[in-house]
Amino acid sequence: MELPLENDPNLYLTTSSSQTHLQFAYGNLNVAGVRQRCGGSRQHSEPVYDVYQFYLTERHLDEETFFAAVAQMLKADDVTATARWV
């Protein structure tokens, strides 16, 4: 279920045999107390999004392996250390 959130924190990932599509909502900027949508003509700076990919160990589908991998991606420093920037 998708909700029309102003600041939607969700990533929508769809894959096929040859492509991966990532869709996400742009954030809002708060400049001098005035909230503006990204891409507006009055904004002074634009947020930059970095996307990283991290592959789980192949054929290891147990819960312990999955949560150990998730634990490596909980903080921004962990993501930059363990994942690949795309």
PDB file of N, CA and C in Angstrom:
ATOM      1  N   MET A   1       0.852  -1.174   0.000  1.00  0.00           N
ATOM      2  CA  MET A   1       0.000   0.000   0.000  1.00  0.00           C
ATOM      3  C   MET A   1       0.897   1.235   0.000  1.00  0.00           C
ATOM      4  N   GLU A   2       0.622   2.153  -0.868  1.00  0.00           N
ATOM      5  CA  GLU A   2       1.392   3.389  -0.941  1.00  0.00           C
ATOM      6  C   GLU A   2       0.542   4.540  -0.442  1.00  0.00           C
ATOM      7  N   LEU A   3       1.147   5.381   0.370  1.00  0.00           N
ATOM      8  CA  LEU A   3       0.453   6.542   0.909  1.00  0.00           C
ATOM      9  C   LEU A   3       1.074   7.803   0.324  1.00  0.00           C
ATOM     10  N   PRO A   4       0.289   8.830   0.065  1.00  0.00           N
ATOM     11  CA  PRO A   4       0.833  10.089  -0.470  1.00  0.00           C
ATOM     12  C   PRO A   4       1.482  10.919   0.636  1.00  0.00           C
ATOM     13  N   LEU A   5       2.614  10.466   1.133  1.00  0.00           N
ATOM     14  CA  LEU A   5       3.312  11.177   2.202  1.00  0.00           C
ATOM     15  C   LEU A   5       4.112  12.335   1.622  1.00  0.00           C
ATOM     16  N   GLU A   6       4.149  13.416   2.354  1.00  0.00           N
ATOM     17  CA  GLU A   6       4.934  14.563   1.886  1.00  0.00           C
ATOM     18  C   GLU A   6       6.423  14.223   1.895  1.00  0.00           C
ATOM     19  N   ASN A   7       6.868  13.561   2.943  1.00  0.00           N
ATOM     20  CA  ASN A   7       8.253  13.106   3.051  1.00  0.00           C
ATOM     21  C   ASN A   7       8.233  11.587   3.139  1.00  0.00           C
ATOM     22  N   ASP A   8       8.112  10.933   2.023  1.00  0.00           N
ATOM     23  CA  ASP A   8       8.009   9.484   1.971  1.00  0.00           C
ATOM     24  C   ASP A   8       9.406   8.871   2.105  1.00  0.00           C
ATOM     25  N   PRO A   9       9.697   8.161   3.196  1.00  0.00           N
ATOM     26  CA  PRO A   9      11.034   7.611   3.405  1.00  0.00           C
ATOM     27  C   PRO A   9      11.257   6.276   2.702  1.00  0.00           C
ATOM     28  N   ASN A  10      10.267   5.788   1.969  1.00  0.00           N
ATOM     29  CA  ASN A  10      10.346   4.462   1.383  1.00  0.00           C
ATOM     30  C   ASN A  10      11.062   4.463   0.039  1.00  0.00           C
ATOM     31  N   LEU A  11      11.732   3.364  -0.233  1.00  0.00           N
ATOM     32  CA  LEU A  11      12.324   3.105  -1.529  1.00  0.00           C
ATOM     33  C   LEU A  11      11.499   2.025  -2.203  1.00  0.00           C
ATOM     34  N   TYR A  12      11.145   2.230  -3.452  1.00  0.00           N
ATOM     35  CA  TYR A  12      10.356   1.266  -4.201  1.00  0.00           C
ATOM     36  C   TYR A  12      11.266   0.636  -5.240  1.00  0.00           C
ATOM     37  N   LEU A  13      11.567  -0.639  -5.049  1.00  0.00           N
ATOM     38  CA  LEU A  13      12.526  -1.346  -5.881  1.00  0.00           C
ATOM     39  C   LEU A  13      11.799  -2.403  -6.702  1.00  0.00           C
ATOM     40  N   THR A  14      11.979  -2.367  -8.009  1.00  0.00           N
ATOM     41  CA  THR A  14      11.442  -3.396  -8.886  1.00  0.00           C
ATOM     42  C   THR A  14      12.593  -3.923  -9.738  1.00  0.00           C
ATOM     43  N   THR A  15      12.572  -5.213  -9.974  1.00  0.00           N
ATOM     44  CA  THR A  15      13.655  -5.830 -10.719  1.00  0.00           C
ATOM     45  C   THR A  15      13.111  -6.699 -11.842  1.00  0.00           C
ATOM     46  N   SER A  16      13.931  -6.872 -12.838  1.00  0.00           N
ATOM     47  CA  SER A  16      13.669  -7.831 -13.903  1.00  0.00           C
ATOM     48  C   SER A  16      14.967  -8.612 -14.094  1.00  0.00           C
ATOM     49  N   SER A  17      15.010  -9.454 -15.087  1.00  0.00           N
ATOM     50  CA  SER A  17      16.219 -10.255 -15.291  1.00  0.00           C
ATOM     51  C   SER A  17      17.422  -9.409 -15.702  1.00  0.00           C
ATOM     52  N   SER A  18      17.183  -8.216 -16.235  1.00  0.00           N
ATOM     53  CA  SER A  18      18.307  -7.406 -16.712  1.00  0.00           C
ATOM     54  C   SER A  18      18.395  -6.008 -16.116  1.00  0.00           C
ATOM     55  N   GLN A  19      17.356  -5.558 -15.400  1.00  0.00           N
ATOM     56  CA  GLN A  19      17.367  -4.191 -14.871  1.00  0.00           C
ATOM     57  C   GLN A  19      16.819  -4.139 -13.450  1.00  0.00           C
ATOM     58  N   THR A  20      17.271  -3.138 -12.743  1.00  0.00           N
ATOM     59  CA  THR A  20      16.736  -2.830 -11.417  1.00  0.00           C
ATOM     60  C   THR A  20      16.309  -1.376 -11.435  1.00  0.00           C
ATOM     61  N   HIS A  21      15.088  -1.100 -11.023  1.00  0.00           N
ATOM     62  CA  HIS A  21      14.566   0.260 -10.980  1.00  0.00           C
ATOM     63  C   HIS A  21      14.348   0.653  -9.516  1.00  0.00           C
ATOM     64  N   LEU A  22      14.845   1.819  -9.160  1.00  0.00           N
ATOM     65  CA  LEU A  22      14.688   2.355  -7.815  1.00  0.00           C
ATOM     66  C   LEU A  22      13.912   3.659  -7.909  1.00  0.00           C
ATOM     67  N   GLN A  23      12.801   3.730  -7.198  1.00  0.00           N
ATOM     68  CA  GLN A  23      11.975   4.934  -7.198  1.00  0.00           C
ATOM     69  C   GLN A  23      11.873   5.439  -5.766  1.00  0.00           C
ATOM     70  N   PHE A  24      12.011   6.746  -5.596  1.00  0.00           N
ATOM     71  CA  PHE A  24      11.923   7.325  -4.262  1.00  0.00           C
ATOM     72  C   PHE A  24      11.380   8.736  -4.365  1.00  0.00           C
ATOM     73  N   ALA A  25      10.820   9.218  -3.264  1.00  0.00           N
ATOM     74  CA  ALA A  25      10.295  10.581  -3.211  1.00  0.00           C
ATOM     75  C   ALA A  25      11.433  11.534  -2.870  1.00  0.00           C
ATOM     76  N   TYR A  26      11.471  12.662  -3.551  1.00  0.00           N
ATOM     77  CA  TYR A  26      12.459  13.682  -3.229  1.00  0.00           C
ATOM     78  C   TYR A  26      12.130  14.327  -1.895  1.00  0.00           C
ATOM     79  N   GLY A  27      13.162  14.767  -1.192  1.00  0.00           N
ATOM     80  CA  GLY A  27      12.960  15.433   0.083  1.00  0.00           C
ATOM     81  C   GLY A  27      12.555  16.886  -0.094  1.00  0.00           C
ATOM     82  N   ASN A  28      12.222  17.520   1.002  1.00  0.00           N
ATOM     83  CA  ASN A  28      11.906  18.947   1.002  1.00  0.00           C
ATOM     84  C   ASN A  28      13.075  19.720   1.575  1.00  0.00           C
ATOM     85  N   LEU A  29      13.198  20.940   1.190  1.00  0.00           N
ATOM     86  CA  LEU A  29      14.213  21.823   1.753  1.00  0.00           C
ATOM     87  C   LEU A  29      13.538  22.836   2.662  1.00  0.00           C
ATOM     88  N   ASN A  30      14.232  23.224   3.697  1.00  0.00           N
ATOM     89  CA  ASN A  30      13.726  24.239   4.605  1.00  0.00           C
ATOM     90  C   ASN A  30      14.719  25.395   4.563  1.00  0.00           C
ATOM     91  N   VAL A  31      14.417  26.407   3.769  1.00  0.00           N
ATOM     92  CA  VAL A  31      15.302  27.552   3.598  1.00  0.00           C
ATOM     93  C   VAL A  31      14.656  28.749   4.274  1.00  0.00           C
ATOM     94  N   ALA A  32      15.336  29.286   5.280  1.00  0.00           N
ATOM     95  CA  ALA A  32      14.844  30.454   6.029  1.00  0.00           C
ATOM     96  C   ALA A  32      13.433  30.208   6.566  1.00  0.00           C
ATOM     97  N   GLY A  33      13.192  28.987   7.025  1.00  0.00           N
ATOM     98  CA  GLY A  33      11.895  28.674   7.620  1.00  0.00           C
ATOM     99  C   GLY A  33      10.782  28.417   6.622  1.00  0.00           C
ATOM    100  N   VAL A  34      11.074  28.506   5.333  1.00  0.00           N
ATOM    101  CA  VAL A  34      10.066  28.278   4.298  1.00  0.00           C
ATOM    102  C   VAL A  34      10.371  26.951   3.627  1.00  0.00           C
ATOM    103  N   ARG A  35       9.428  26.028   3.724  1.00  0.00           N
ATOM    104  CA  ARG A  35       9.634  24.715   3.116  1.00  0.00           C
ATOM    105  C   ARG A  35       9.368  24.788   1.616  1.00  0.00           C
ATOM    106  N   GLN A  36      10.290  24.232   0.860  1.00  0.00           N
ATOM    107  CA  GLN A  36      10.172  24.232  -0.591  1.00  0.00           C
ATOM    108  C   GLN A  36      10.387  22.819  -1.102  1.00  0.00           C
ATOM    109  N   ARG A  37       9.666  22.444  -2.126  1.00  0.00           N
ATOM    110  CA  ARG A  37       9.890  21.148  -2.748  1.00  0.00           C
ATOM    111  C   ARG A  37      11.180  21.205  -3.566  1.00  0.00           C
ATOM    112  N   CYS A  38      11.869  20.092  -3.608  1.00  0.00           N
ATOM    113  CA  CYS A  38      13.082  20.029  -4.415  1.00  0.00           C
ATOM    114  C   CYS A  38      12.744  20.286  -5.877  1.00  0.00           C
ATOM    115  N   GLY A  39      13.588  21.010  -6.542  1.00  0.00           N
ATOM    116  CA  GLY A  39      13.356  21.339  -7.938  1.00  0.00           C
ATOM    117  C   GLY A  39      12.650  22.671  -8.112  1.00  0.00           C
ATOM    118  N   GLY A  40      12.314  23.329  -6.998  1.00  0.00           N
ATOM    119  CA  GLY A  40      11.666  24.631  -7.084  1.00  0.00           C
ATOM    120  C   GLY A  40      12.626  25.694  -7.564  1.00  0.00           C
ATOM    121  N   SER A  41      12.095  26.733  -8.166  1.00  0.00           N
ATOM    122  CA  SER A  41      12.949  27.759  -8.746  1.00  0.00           C
ATOM    123  C   SER A  41      13.618  28.634  -7.684  1.00  0.00           C
ATOM    124  N   ARG A  42      13.066  28.653  -6.454  1.00  0.00           N
ATOM    125  CA  ARG A  42      13.630  29.538  -5.436  1.00  0.00           C
ATOM    126  C   ARG A  42      14.645  28.845  -4.535  1.00  0.00           C
ATOM    127  N   GLN A  43      14.904  27.584  -4.756  1.00  0.00           N
ATOM    128  CA  GLN A  43      15.786  26.912  -3.813  1.00  0.00           C
ATOM    129  C   GLN A  43      17.239  27.301  -4.034  1.00  0.00           C
ATOM    130  N   HIS A  44      17.982  27.356  -2.935  1.00  0.00           N
ATOM    131  CA  HIS A  44      19.362  27.803  -2.970  1.00  0.00           C
ATOM    132  C   HIS A  44      20.345  26.654  -3.158  1.00  0.00           C
ATOM    133  N   SER A  45      19.952  25.473  -2.751  1.00  0.00           N
ATOM    134  CA  SER A  45      20.821  24.306  -2.903  1.00  0.00           C
ATOM    135  C   SER A  45      19.949  23.084  -3.139  1.00  0.00           C
ATOM    136  N   GLU A  46      20.559  22.068  -3.666  1.00  0.00           N
ATOM    137  CA  GLU A  46      19.825  20.853  -3.952  1.00  0.00           C
ATOM    138  C   GLU A  46      20.387  19.720  -3.113  1.00  0.00           C
ATOM    139  N   PRO A  47      19.529  18.888  -2.562  1.00  0.00           N
ATOM    140  CA  PRO A  47      20.050  17.723  -1.839  1.00  0.00           C
ATOM    141  C   PRO A  47      20.670  16.748  -2.837  1.00  0.00           C
ATOM    142  N   VAL A  48      21.655  16.018  -2.378  1.00  0.00           N
ATOM    143  CA  VAL A  48      22.325  15.027  -3.208  1.00  0.00           C
ATOM    144  C   VAL A  48      22.044  13.658  -2.603  1.00  0.00           C
ATOM    145  N   TYR A  49      21.632  12.733  -3.433  1.00  0.00           N
ATOM    146  CA  TYR A  49      21.324  11.387  -2.982  1.00  0.00           C
ATOM    147  C   TYR A  49      22.422  10.442  -3.451  1.00  0.00           C
ATOM    148  N   ASP A  50      22.958   9.664  -2.530  1.00  0.00           N
ATOM    149  CA  ASP A  50      23.910   8.618  -2.876  1.00  0.00           C
ATOM    150  C   ASP A  50      23.203   7.280  -2.713  1.00  0.00           C
ATOM    151  N   VAL A  51      23.360   6.409  -3.695  1.00  0.00           N
ATOM    152  CA  VAL A  51      22.740   5.089  -3.651  1.00  0.00           C
ATOM    153  C   VAL A  51      23.863   4.064  -3.584  1.00  0.00           C
ATOM    154  N   TYR A  52      23.734   3.124  -2.667  1.00  0.00           N
ATOM    155  CA  TYR A  52      24.715   2.069  -2.471  1.00  0.00           C
ATOM    156  C   TYR A  52      24.049   0.718  -2.664  1.00  0.00           C
ATOM    157  N   GLN A  53      24.812  -0.245  -3.124  1.00  0.00           N
ATOM    158  CA  GLN A  53      24.283  -1.603  -3.232  1.00  0.00           C
ATOM    159  C   GLN A  53      25.124  -2.531  -2.374  1.00  0.00           C
ATOM    160  N   PHE A  54      24.445  -3.512  -1.821  1.00  0.00           N
ATOM    161  CA  PHE A  54      25.082  -4.477  -0.942  1.00  0.00           C
ATOM    162  C   PHE A  54      24.439  -5.825  -1.212  1.00  0.00           C
ATOM    163  N   TYR A  55      25.232  -6.792  -1.601  1.00  0.00           N
ATOM    164  CA  TYR A  55      24.709  -8.115  -1.919  1.00  0.00           C
ATOM    165  C   TYR A  55      24.800  -9.027  -0.706  1.00  0.00           C
ATOM    166  N   LEU A  56      23.730  -9.769  -0.482  1.00  0.00           N
ATOM    167  CA  LEU A  56      23.744 -10.780   0.567  1.00  0.00           C
ATOM    168  C   LEU A  56      24.544 -11.980   0.076  1.00  0.00           C
ATOM    169  N   THR A  57      25.058 -12.756   1.008  1.00  0.00           N
ATOM    170  CA  THR A  57      25.819 -13.943   0.657  1.00  0.00           C
ATOM    171  C   THR A  57      24.927 -14.918  -0.106  1.00  0.00           C
ATOM    172  N   GLU A  58      25.397 -15.362  -1.235  1.00  0.00           N
ATOM    173  CA  GLU A  58      24.596 -16.228  -2.097  1.00  0.00           C
ATOM    174  C   GLU A  58      24.300 -17.566  -1.417  1.00  0.00           C
ATOM    175  N   ARG A  59      23.063 -17.993  -1.523  1.00  0.00           N
ATOM    176  CA  ARG A  59      22.552 -19.271  -1.010  1.00  0.00           C
ATOM    177  C   ARG A  59      22.545 -19.369   0.505  1.00  0.00           C
ATOM    178  N   HIS A  60      22.755 -18.287   1.199  1.00  0.00           N
ATOM    179  CA  HIS A  60      22.646 -18.277   2.651  1.00  0.00           C
ATOM    180  C   HIS A  60      21.360 -17.532   2.994  1.00  0.00           C
ATOM    181  N   LEU A  61      20.286 -18.263   3.128  1.00  0.00           N
ATOM    182  CA  LEU A  61      18.969 -17.666   3.302  1.00  0.00           C
ATOM    183  C   LEU A  61      18.460 -17.737   4.738  1.00  0.00           C
ATOM    184  N   ASP A  62      19.318 -18.131   5.655  1.00  0.00           N
ATOM    185  CA  ASP A  62      18.861 -18.241   7.039  1.00  0.00           C
ATOM    186  C   ASP A  62      18.728 -16.860   7.682  1.00  0.00           C
ATOM    187  N   GLU A  63      17.946 -16.805   8.731  1.00  0.00           N
ATOM    188  CA  GLU A  63      17.633 -15.544   9.416  1.00  0.00           C
ATOM    189  C   GLU A  63      18.878 -14.889  10.005  1.00  0.00           C
ATOM    190  N   GLU A  64      19.763 -15.678  10.565  1.00  0.00           N
ATOM    191  CA  GLU A  64      20.967 -15.134  11.207  1.00  0.00           C
ATOM    192  C   GLU A  64      21.858 -14.406  10.193  1.00  0.00           C
ATOM    193  N   THR A  65      22.037 -14.994   9.025  1.00  0.00           N
ATOM    194  CA  THR A  65      22.851 -14.363   7.976  1.00  0.00           C
ATOM    195  C   THR A  65      22.201 -13.072   7.481  1.00  0.00           C
ATOM    196  N   PHE A  66      20.880 -13.103   7.310  1.00  0.00           N
ATOM    197  CA  PHE A  66      20.167 -11.917   6.846  1.00  0.00           C
ATOM    198  C   PHE A  66      20.320 -10.756   7.821  1.00  0.00           C
ATOM    199  N   PHE A  67      20.072 -10.999   9.108  1.00  0.00           N
ATOM    200  CA  PHE A  67      20.138  -9.907  10.078  1.00  0.00           C
ATOM    201  C   PHE A  67      21.581  -9.447  10.327  1.00  0.00           C
ATOM    202  N   ALA A  68      22.546 -10.323  10.151  1.00  0.00           N
ATOM    203  CA  ALA A  68      23.952  -9.901  10.246  1.00  0.00           C
ATOM    204  C   ALA A  68      24.279  -8.932   9.110  1.00  0.00           C
ATOM    205  N   ALA A  69      23.735  -9.203   7.920  1.00  0.00           N
ATOM    206  CA  ALA A  69      23.956  -8.300   6.790  1.00  0.00           C
ATOM    207  C   ALA A  69      23.249  -6.974   6.999  1.00  0.00           C
ATOM    208  N   VAL A  70      22.021  -7.008   7.521  1.00  0.00           N
ATOM    209  CA  VAL A  70      21.278  -5.774   7.793  1.00  0.00           C
ATOM    210  C   VAL A  70      22.023  -4.932   8.827  1.00  0.00           C
ATOM    211  N   ALA A  71      22.626  -5.574   9.806  1.00  0.00           N
ATOM    212  CA  ALA A  71      23.364  -4.853  10.845  1.00  0.00           C
ATOM    213  C   ALA A  71      24.557  -4.095  10.260  1.00  0.00           C
ATOM    214  N   GLN A  72      25.071  -4.555   9.121  1.00  0.00           N
ATOM    215  CA  GLN A  72      26.196  -3.866   8.481  1.00  0.00           C
ATOM    216  C   GLN A  72      25.762  -2.631   7.716  1.00  0.00           C
ATOM    217  N   MET A  73      24.455  -2.379   7.636  1.00  0.00           N
ATOM    218  CA  MET A  73      23.943  -1.259   6.844  1.00  0.00           C
ATOM    219  C   MET A  73      23.090  -0.295   7.678  1.00  0.00           C
ATOM    220  N   LEU A  74      23.255  -0.284   8.989  1.00  0.00           N
ATOM    221  CA  LEU A  74      22.396   0.530   9.845  1.00  0.00           C
ATOM    222  C   LEU A  74      22.834   1.982   9.953  1.00  0.00           C
ATOM    223  N   LYS A  75      24.103   2.253   9.835  1.00  0.00           N
ATOM    224  CA  LYS A  75      24.612   3.620   9.974  1.00  0.00           C
ATOM    225  C   LYS A  75      25.268   4.056   8.671  1.00  0.00           C
ATOM    226  N   ALA A  76      25.278   5.350   8.440  1.00  0.00           N
ATOM    227  CA  ALA A  76      25.853   5.873   7.199  1.00  0.00           C
ATOM    228  C   ALA A  76      27.312   5.474   7.045  1.00  0.00           C
ATOM    229  N   ASP A  77      28.077   5.503   8.113  1.00  0.00           N
ATOM    230  CA  ASP A  77      29.490   5.109   8.032  1.00  0.00           C
ATOM    231  C   ASP A  77      29.629   3.632   7.676  1.00  0.00           C
ATOM    232  N   ASP A  78      28.729   2.803   8.216  1.00  0.00           N
ATOM    233  CA  ASP A  78      28.752   1.374   7.901  1.00  0.00           C
ATOM    234  C   ASP A  78      28.427   1.140   6.429  1.00  0.00           C
ATOM    235  N   VAL A  79      27.471   1.887   5.908  1.00  0.00           N
ATOM    236  CA  VAL A  79      27.076   1.727   4.510  1.00  0.00           C
ATOM    237  C   VAL A  79      28.246   2.065   3.591  1.00  0.00           C
ATOM    238  N   THR A  80      28.902   3.173   3.844  1.00  0.00           N
ATOM    239  CA  THR A  80      30.020   3.577   2.977  1.00  0.00           C
ATOM    240  C   THR A  80      31.200   2.620   3.099  1.00  0.00           C
ATOM    241  N   ALA A  81      31.320   1.934   4.232  1.00  0.00           N
ATOM    242  CA  ALA A  81      32.431   1.008   4.426  1.00  0.00           C
ATOM    243  C   ALA A  81      32.159  -0.366   3.816  1.00  0.00           C
ATOM    244  N   THR A  82      30.895  -0.803   3.792  1.00  0.00           N
ATOM    245  CA  THR A  82      30.605  -2.175   3.372  1.00  0.00           C
ATOM    246  C   THR A  82      29.908  -2.289   2.025  1.00  0.00           C
ATOM    247  N   ALA A  83      29.284  -1.226   1.554  1.00  0.00           N
ATOM    248  CA  ALA A  83      28.506  -1.312   0.306  1.00  0.00           C
ATOM    249  C   ALA A  83      29.253  -0.605  -0.823  1.00  0.00           C
ATOM    250  N   ARG A  84      28.754  -0.812  -2.029  1.00  0.00           N
ATOM    251  CA  ARG A  84      29.360  -0.195  -3.211  1.00  0.00           C
ATOM    252  C   ARG A  84      28.489   0.963  -3.693  1.00  0.00           C
ATOM    253  N   TRP A  85      29.119   2.108  -3.892  1.00  0.00           N
ATOM    254  CA  TRP A  85      28.406   3.292  -4.371  1.00  0.00           C
ATOM    255  C   TRP A  85      28.104   3.118  -5.849  1.00  0.00           C
ATOM    256  N   VAL A  86      26.849   3.365  -6.239  1.00  0.00           N
ATOM    257  CA  VAL A  86      26.459   3.251  -7.659  1.00  0.00           C
ATOM    258  C   VAL A  86      26.039   4.593  -8.192  1.00  0.00           C
TER     259      VAL A  86
END
